[in-house]
Amino acid sequence: MQKEHLIKLANTKMPFGKYQGHFLVDLPEPYLVWFRQNGFPKGTIGSMLEEMLEIKINGLEHLIRPLIRK
């Protein structure tokens, strides 16, 4: 992955639903698994949610958190 993409992924917030306004990296893994089972949204946010699930499954959140801009 490119650095710019990872920075964007780290700083994107959930645009809808129960966790609206939360950084994607802060979404609970079961919530992301639910999307996998029921279908990710179309477009960029769906792709980012799918990527975040893979990051979480592989225990790589520690690589994303430092990229969040305060």
PDB file of N, CA and C in Angstrom:
ATOM      1  N   MET A   1       0.833  -1.194   0.000  1.00  0.00           N
ATOM      2  CA  MET A   1       0.000   0.000   0.000  1.00  0.00           C
ATOM      3  C   MET A   1       0.868   1.244   0.000  1.00  0.00           C
ATOM      4  N   GLN A   2       0.366   2.275  -0.604  1.00  0.00           N
ATOM      5  CA  GLN A   2       1.102   3.525  -0.625  1.00  0.00           C
ATOM      6  C   GLN A   2       0.863   4.286   0.674  1.00  0.00           C
ATOM      7  N   LYS A   3       1.859   5.051   1.066  1.00  0.00           N
ATOM      8  CA  LYS A   3       1.783   5.804   2.314  1.00  0.00           C
ATOM      9  C   LYS A   3       0.578   6.736   2.333  1.00  0.00           C
ATOM     10  N   GLU A   4       0.315   7.421   1.231  1.00  0.00           N
ATOM     11  CA  GLU A   4      -0.807   8.360   1.176  1.00  0.00           C
ATOM     12  C   GLU A   4      -2.140   7.640   1.399  1.00  0.00           C
ATOM     13  N   HIS A   5      -2.247   6.446   0.863  1.00  0.00           N
ATOM     14  CA  HIS A   5      -3.466   5.669   1.038  1.00  0.00           C
ATOM     15  C   HIS A   5      -3.644   5.276   2.506  1.00  0.00           C
ATOM     16  N   LEU A   6      -2.572   4.859   3.143  1.00  0.00           N
ATOM     17  CA  LEU A   6      -2.646   4.482   4.554  1.00  0.00           C
ATOM     18  C   LEU A   6      -3.006   5.673   5.428  1.00  0.00           C
ATOM     19  N   ILE A   7      -2.481   6.851   5.097  1.00  0.00           N
ATOM     20  CA  ILE A   7      -2.824   8.066   5.854  1.00  0.00           C
ATOM     21  C   ILE A   7      -4.309   8.375   5.692  1.00  0.00           C
ATOM     22  N   LYS A   8      -4.812   8.247   4.466  1.00  0.00           N
ATOM     23  CA  LYS A   8      -6.232   8.486   4.224  1.00  0.00           C
ATOM     24  C   LYS A   8      -7.077   7.462   4.980  1.00  0.00           C
ATOM     25  N   LEU A   9      -6.679   6.211   4.958  1.00  0.00           N
ATOM     26  CA  LEU A   9      -7.389   5.152   5.665  1.00  0.00           C
ATOM     27  C   LEU A   9      -7.410   5.431   7.171  1.00  0.00           C
ATOM     28  N   ALA A  10      -6.282   5.872   7.709  1.00  0.00           N
ATOM     29  CA  ALA A  10      -6.173   6.156   9.141  1.00  0.00           C
ATOM     30  C   ALA A  10      -7.058   7.322   9.564  1.00  0.00           C
ATOM     31  N   ASN A  11      -7.256   8.275   8.697  1.00  0.00           N
ATOM     32  CA  ASN A  11      -7.967   9.507   9.052  1.00  0.00           C
ATOM     33  C   ASN A  11      -9.417   9.559   8.575  1.00  0.00           C
ATOM     34  N   THR A  12      -9.893   8.486   7.990  1.00  0.00           N
ATOM     35  CA  THR A  12     -11.282   8.437   7.542  1.00  0.00           C
ATOM     36  C   THR A  12     -12.177   8.032   8.701  1.00  0.00           C
ATOM     37  N   LYS A  13     -13.291   8.734   8.811  1.00  0.00           N
ATOM     38  CA  LYS A  13     -14.267   8.429   9.849  1.00  0.00           C
ATOM     39  C   LYS A  13     -15.490   7.771   9.214  1.00  0.00           C
ATOM     40  N   MET A  14     -16.145   6.951   9.987  1.00  0.00           N
ATOM     41  CA  MET A  14     -17.353   6.262   9.528  1.00  0.00           C
ATOM     42  C   MET A  14     -18.425   7.303   9.220  1.00  0.00           C
ATOM     43  N   PRO A  15     -18.958   7.307   7.991  1.00  0.00           N
ATOM     44  CA  PRO A  15     -19.895   8.365   7.602  1.00  0.00           C
ATOM     45  C   PRO A  15     -21.363   8.098   7.963  1.00  0.00           C
ATOM     46  N   PHE A  16     -21.674   6.914   8.480  1.00  0.00           N
ATOM     47  CA  PHE A  16     -23.074   6.593   8.754  1.00  0.00           C
ATOM     48  C   PHE A  16     -23.169   5.530   9.844  1.00  0.00           C
ATOM     49  N   GLY A  17     -24.373   5.323  10.330  1.00  0.00           N
ATOM     50  CA  GLY A  17     -24.648   4.213  11.228  1.00  0.00           C
ATOM     51  C   GLY A  17     -24.288   4.456  12.676  1.00  0.00           C
ATOM     52  N   LYS A  18     -24.299   3.382  13.418  1.00  0.00           N
ATOM     53  CA  LYS A  18     -24.067   3.382  14.861  1.00  0.00           C
ATOM     54  C   LYS A  18     -22.741   4.024  15.243  1.00  0.00           C
ATOM     55  N   TYR A  19     -21.734   3.851  14.417  1.00  0.00           N
ATOM     56  CA  TYR A  19     -20.392   4.350  14.722  1.00  0.00           C
ATOM     57  C   TYR A  19     -20.024   5.582  13.893  1.00  0.00           C
ATOM     58  N   GLN A  20     -21.027   6.304  13.428  1.00  0.00           N
ATOM     59  CA  GLN A  20     -20.781   7.520  12.639  1.00  0.00           C
ATOM     60  C   GLN A  20     -19.853   8.457  13.410  1.00  0.00           C
ATOM     61  N   GLY A  21     -18.815   8.958  12.710  1.00  0.00           N
ATOM     62  CA  GLY A  21     -17.868   9.887  13.310  1.00  0.00           C
ATOM     63  C   GLY A  21     -16.665   9.229  13.964  1.00  0.00           C
ATOM     64  N   HIS A  22     -16.654   7.903  14.062  1.00  0.00           N
ATOM     65  CA  HIS A  22     -15.514   7.191  14.637  1.00  0.00           C
ATOM     66  C   HIS A  22     -14.502   6.877  13.530  1.00  0.00           C
ATOM     67  N   PHE A  23     -13.221   6.925  13.870  1.00  0.00           N
ATOM     68  CA  PHE A  23     -12.197   6.520  12.916  1.00  0.00           C
ATOM     69  C   PHE A  23     -12.429   5.051  12.559  1.00  0.00           C
ATOM     70  N   LEU A  24     -12.168   4.685  11.311  1.00  0.00           N
ATOM     71  CA  LEU A  24     -12.369   3.304  10.884  1.00  0.00           C
ATOM     72  C   LEU A  24     -11.555   2.331  11.717  1.00  0.00           C
ATOM     73  N   VAL A  25     -10.372   2.720  12.128  1.00  0.00           N
ATOM     74  CA  VAL A  25      -9.525   1.841  12.924  1.00  0.00           C
ATOM     75  C   VAL A  25     -10.142   1.575  14.304  1.00  0.00           C
ATOM     76  N   ASP A  26     -11.057   2.434  14.746  1.00  0.00           N
ATOM     77  CA  ASP A  26     -11.701   2.263  16.047  1.00  0.00           C
ATOM     78  C   ASP A  26     -12.989   1.446  15.972  1.00  0.00           C
ATOM     79  N   LEU A  27     -13.397   1.051  14.779  1.00  0.00           N
ATOM     80  CA  LEU A  27     -14.605   0.240  14.654  1.00  0.00           C
ATOM     81  C   LEU A  27     -14.342  -1.158  15.207  1.00  0.00           C
ATOM     82  N   PRO A  28     -15.300  -1.719  15.936  1.00  0.00           N
ATOM     83  CA  PRO A  28     -15.110  -3.081  16.455  1.00  0.00           C
ATOM     84  C   PRO A  28     -15.036  -4.109  15.326  1.00  0.00           C
ATOM     85  N   GLU A  29     -14.193  -5.080  15.506  1.00  0.00           N
ATOM     86  CA  GLU A  29     -14.029  -6.114  14.482  1.00  0.00           C
ATOM     87  C   GLU A  29     -15.347  -6.827  14.166  1.00  0.00           C
ATOM     88  N   PRO A  30     -16.194  -7.158  15.164  1.00  0.00           N
ATOM     89  CA  PRO A  30     -17.469  -7.816  14.826  1.00  0.00           C
ATOM     90  C   PRO A  30     -18.363  -6.968  13.914  1.00  0.00           C
ATOM     91  N   TYR A  31     -18.290  -5.660  14.024  1.00  0.00           N
ATOM     92  CA  TYR A  31     -19.047  -4.762  13.155  1.00  0.00           C
ATOM     93  C   TYR A  31     -18.567  -4.906  11.710  1.00  0.00           C
ATOM     94  N   LEU A  32     -17.255  -4.977  11.528  1.00  0.00           N
ATOM     95  CA  LEU A  32     -16.683  -5.149  10.191  1.00  0.00           C
ATOM     96  C   LEU A  32     -16.980  -6.539   9.636  1.00  0.00           C
ATOM     97  N   VAL A  33     -16.973  -7.543  10.513  1.00  0.00           N
ATOM     98  CA  VAL A  33     -17.310  -8.907  10.089  1.00  0.00           C
ATOM     99  C   VAL A  33     -18.760  -8.952   9.616  1.00  0.00           C
ATOM    100  N   TRP A  34     -19.641  -8.210  10.296  1.00  0.00           N
ATOM    101  CA  TRP A  34     -21.043  -8.149   9.877  1.00  0.00           C
ATOM    102  C   TRP A  34     -21.136  -7.644   8.437  1.00  0.00           C
ATOM    103  N   PHE A  35     -20.365  -6.611   8.116  1.00  0.00           N
ATOM    104  CA  PHE A  35     -20.365  -6.102   6.742  1.00  0.00           C
ATOM    105  C   PHE A  35     -19.874  -7.170   5.766  1.00  0.00           C
ATOM    106  N   ARG A  36     -18.857  -7.922   6.165  1.00  0.00           N
ATOM    107  CA  ARG A  36     -18.349  -8.976   5.269  1.00  0.00           C
ATOM    108  C   ARG A  36     -19.452  -9.997   4.979  1.00  0.00           C
ATOM    109  N   GLN A  37     -20.207 -10.328   5.999  1.00  0.00           N
ATOM    110  CA  GLN A  37     -21.264 -11.334   5.840  1.00  0.00           C
ATOM    111  C   GLN A  37     -22.471 -10.798   5.074  1.00  0.00           C
ATOM    112  N   ASN A  38     -22.748  -9.509   5.200  1.00  0.00           N
ATOM    113  CA  ASN A  38     -23.960  -8.925   4.620  1.00  0.00           C
ATOM    114  C   ASN A  38     -23.703  -8.020   3.417  1.00  0.00           C
ATOM    115  N   GLY A  39     -22.444  -7.797   3.116  1.00  0.00           N
ATOM    116  CA  GLY A  39     -22.079  -6.964   1.980  1.00  0.00           C
ATOM    117  C   GLY A  39     -21.567  -5.597   2.392  1.00  0.00           C
ATOM    118  N   PHE A  40     -20.374  -5.288   1.948  1.00  0.00           N
ATOM    119  CA  PHE A  40     -19.804  -3.965   2.200  1.00  0.00           C
ATOM    120  C   PHE A  40     -20.528  -2.951   1.324  1.00  0.00           C
ATOM    121  N   PRO A  41     -20.617  -1.704   1.789  1.00  0.00           N
ATOM    122  CA  PRO A  41     -21.217  -0.671   0.939  1.00  0.00           C
ATOM    123  C   PRO A  41     -20.424  -0.524  -0.359  1.00  0.00           C
ATOM    124  N   LYS A  42     -21.082  -0.049  -1.374  1.00  0.00           N
ATOM    125  CA  LYS A  42     -20.403   0.187  -2.658  1.00  0.00           C
ATOM    126  C   LYS A  42     -19.502   1.419  -2.548  1.00  0.00           C
ATOM    127  N   GLY A  43     -18.484   1.465  -3.365  1.00  0.00           N
ATOM    128  CA  GLY A  43     -17.626   2.634  -3.438  1.00  0.00           C
ATOM    129  C   GLY A  43     -16.441   2.597  -2.499  1.00  0.00           C
ATOM    130  N   THR A  44     -15.867   3.767  -2.322  1.00  0.00           N
ATOM    131  CA  THR A  44     -14.626   3.913  -1.562  1.00  0.00           C
ATOM    132  C   THR A  44     -14.776   3.473  -0.116  1.00  0.00           C
ATOM    133  N   ILE A  45     -15.872   3.869   0.542  1.00  0.00           N
ATOM    134  CA  ILE A  45     -16.023   3.520   1.956  1.00  0.00           C
ATOM    135  C   ILE A  45     -16.100   2.000   2.135  1.00  0.00           C
ATOM    136  N   GLY A  46     -16.751   1.317   1.235  1.00  0.00           N
ATOM    137  CA  GLY A  46     -16.814  -0.140   1.309  1.00  0.00           C
ATOM    138  C   GLY A  46     -15.444  -0.777   1.181  1.00  0.00           C
ATOM    139  N   SER A  47     -14.655  -0.268   0.252  1.00  0.00           N
ATOM    140  CA  SER A  47     -13.294  -0.781   0.072  1.00  0.00           C
ATOM    141  C   SER A  47     -12.449  -0.527   1.308  1.00  0.00           C
ATOM    142  N   MET A  48     -12.625   0.655   1.896  1.00  0.00           N
ATOM    143  CA  MET A  48     -11.842   1.002   3.081  1.00  0.00           C
ATOM    144  C   MET A  48     -12.259   0.148   4.287  1.00  0.00           C
ATOM    145  N   LEU A  49     -13.546  -0.122   4.417  1.00  0.00           N
ATOM    146  CA  LEU A  49     -14.008  -0.984   5.510  1.00  0.00           C
ATOM    147  C   LEU A  49     -13.454  -2.392   5.345  1.00  0.00           C
ATOM    148  N   GLU A  50     -13.426  -2.864   4.117  1.00  0.00           N
ATOM    149  CA  GLU A  50     -12.886  -4.198   3.845  1.00  0.00           C
ATOM    150  C   GLU A  50     -11.392  -4.254   4.162  1.00  0.00           C
ATOM    151  N   GLU A  51     -10.666  -3.213   3.778  1.00  0.00           N
ATOM    152  CA  GLU A  51      -9.233  -3.152   4.098  1.00  0.00           C
ATOM    153  C   GLU A  51      -9.012  -3.111   5.612  1.00  0.00           C
ATOM    154  N   MET A  52      -9.840  -2.338   6.301  1.00  0.00           N
ATOM    155  CA  MET A  52      -9.684  -2.222   7.745  1.00  0.00           C
ATOM    156  C   MET A  52      -9.943  -3.557   8.428  1.00  0.00           C
ATOM    157  N   LEU A  53     -10.898  -4.318   7.935  1.00  0.00           N
ATOM    158  CA  LEU A  53     -11.131  -5.649   8.493  1.00  0.00           C
ATOM    159  C   LEU A  53      -9.885  -6.512   8.344  1.00  0.00           C
ATOM    160  N   GLU A  54      -9.264  -6.488   7.178  1.00  0.00           N
ATOM    161  CA  GLU A  54      -8.045  -7.279   6.960  1.00  0.00           C
ATOM    162  C   GLU A  54      -6.924  -6.819   7.898  1.00  0.00           C
ATOM    163  N   ILE A  55      -6.810  -5.523   8.090  1.00  0.00           N
ATOM    164  CA  ILE A  55      -5.791  -4.981   9.000  1.00  0.00           C
ATOM    165  C   ILE A  55      -6.042  -5.489  10.410  1.00  0.00           C
ATOM    166  N   LYS A  56      -7.294  -5.438  10.851  1.00  0.00           N
ATOM    167  CA  LYS A  56      -7.634  -5.880  12.203  1.00  0.00           C
ATOM    168  C   LYS A  56      -7.429  -7.386  12.369  1.00  0.00           C
ATOM    169  N   ILE A  57      -7.875  -8.157  11.391  1.00  0.00           N
ATOM    170  CA  ILE A  57      -7.727  -9.617  11.459  1.00  0.00           C
ATOM    171  C   ILE A  57      -6.254  -9.997  11.614  1.00  0.00           C
ATOM    172  N   ASN A  58      -5.387  -9.243  10.963  1.00  0.00           N
ATOM    173  CA  ASN A  58      -3.949  -9.544  10.999  1.00  0.00           C
ATOM    174  C   ASN A  58      -3.207  -8.817  12.125  1.00  0.00           C
ATOM    175  N   GLY A  59      -3.956  -8.116  12.987  1.00  0.00           N
ATOM    176  CA  GLY A  59      -3.352  -7.461  14.145  1.00  0.00           C
ATOM    177  C   GLY A  59      -2.419  -6.319  13.792  1.00  0.00           C
ATOM    178  N   LEU A  60      -2.751  -5.559  12.754  1.00  0.00           N
ATOM    179  CA  LEU A  60      -1.854  -4.501  12.274  1.00  0.00           C
ATOM    180  C   LEU A  60      -2.326  -3.090  12.596  1.00  0.00           C
ATOM    181  N   GLU A  61      -3.315  -2.956  13.508  1.00  0.00           N
ATOM    182  CA  GLU A  61      -3.816  -1.618  13.844  1.00  0.00           C
ATOM    183  C   GLU A  61      -2.704  -0.701  14.346  1.00  0.00           C
ATOM    184  N   HIS A  62      -1.711  -1.293  14.988  1.00  0.00           N
ATOM    185  CA  HIS A  62      -0.608  -0.488  15.528  1.00  0.00           C
ATOM    186  C   HIS A  62       0.154   0.259  14.427  1.00  0.00           C
ATOM    187  N   LEU A  63       0.019  -0.170  13.191  1.00  0.00           N
ATOM    188  CA  LEU A  63       0.659   0.535  12.077  1.00  0.00           C
ATOM    189  C   LEU A  63      -0.187   1.710  11.596  1.00  0.00           C
ATOM    190  N   ILE A  64      -1.490   1.660  11.849  1.00  0.00           N
ATOM    191  CA  ILE A  64      -2.419   2.685  11.378  1.00  0.00           C
ATOM    192  C   ILE A  64      -2.568   3.806  12.393  1.00  0.00           C
ATOM    193  N   ARG A  65      -2.674   3.480  13.666  1.00  0.00           N
ATOM    194  CA  ARG A  65      -2.950   4.493  14.702  1.00  0.00           C
ATOM    195  C   ARG A  65      -1.964   5.668  14.699  1.00  0.00           C
ATOM    196  N   PRO A  66      -0.672   5.452  14.519  1.00  0.00           N
ATOM    197  CA  PRO A  66       0.252   6.611  14.517  1.00  0.00           C
ATOM    198  C   PRO A  66       0.033   7.587  13.349  1.00  0.00           C
ATOM    199  N   LEU A  67      -0.702   7.154  12.335  1.00  0.00           N
ATOM    200  CA  LEU A  67      -0.933   7.999  11.162  1.00  0.00           C
ATOM    201  C   LEU A  67      -2.121   8.940  11.334  1.00  0.00           C
ATOM    202  N   ILE A  68      -2.875   8.781  12.442  1.00  0.00           N
ATOM    203  CA  ILE A  68      -4.040   9.653  12.676  1.00  0.00           C
ATOM    204  C   ILE A  68      -3.531  11.030  13.027  1.00  0.00           C
ATOM    205  N   ARG A  69      -4.068  12.009  12.320  1.00  0.00           N
ATOM    206  CA  ARG A  69      -3.688  13.406  12.564  1.00  0.00           C
ATOM    207  C   ARG A  69      -4.502  13.933  13.726  1.00  0.00           C
ATOM    208  N   LYS A  70      -3.835  14.524  14.679  1.00  0.00           N
ATOM    209  CA  LYS A  70      -4.508  15.062  15.882  1.00  0.00           C
ATOM    210  C   LYS A  70      -5.049  16.439  15.601  1.00  0.00           C
TER     211      LYS A  70
END
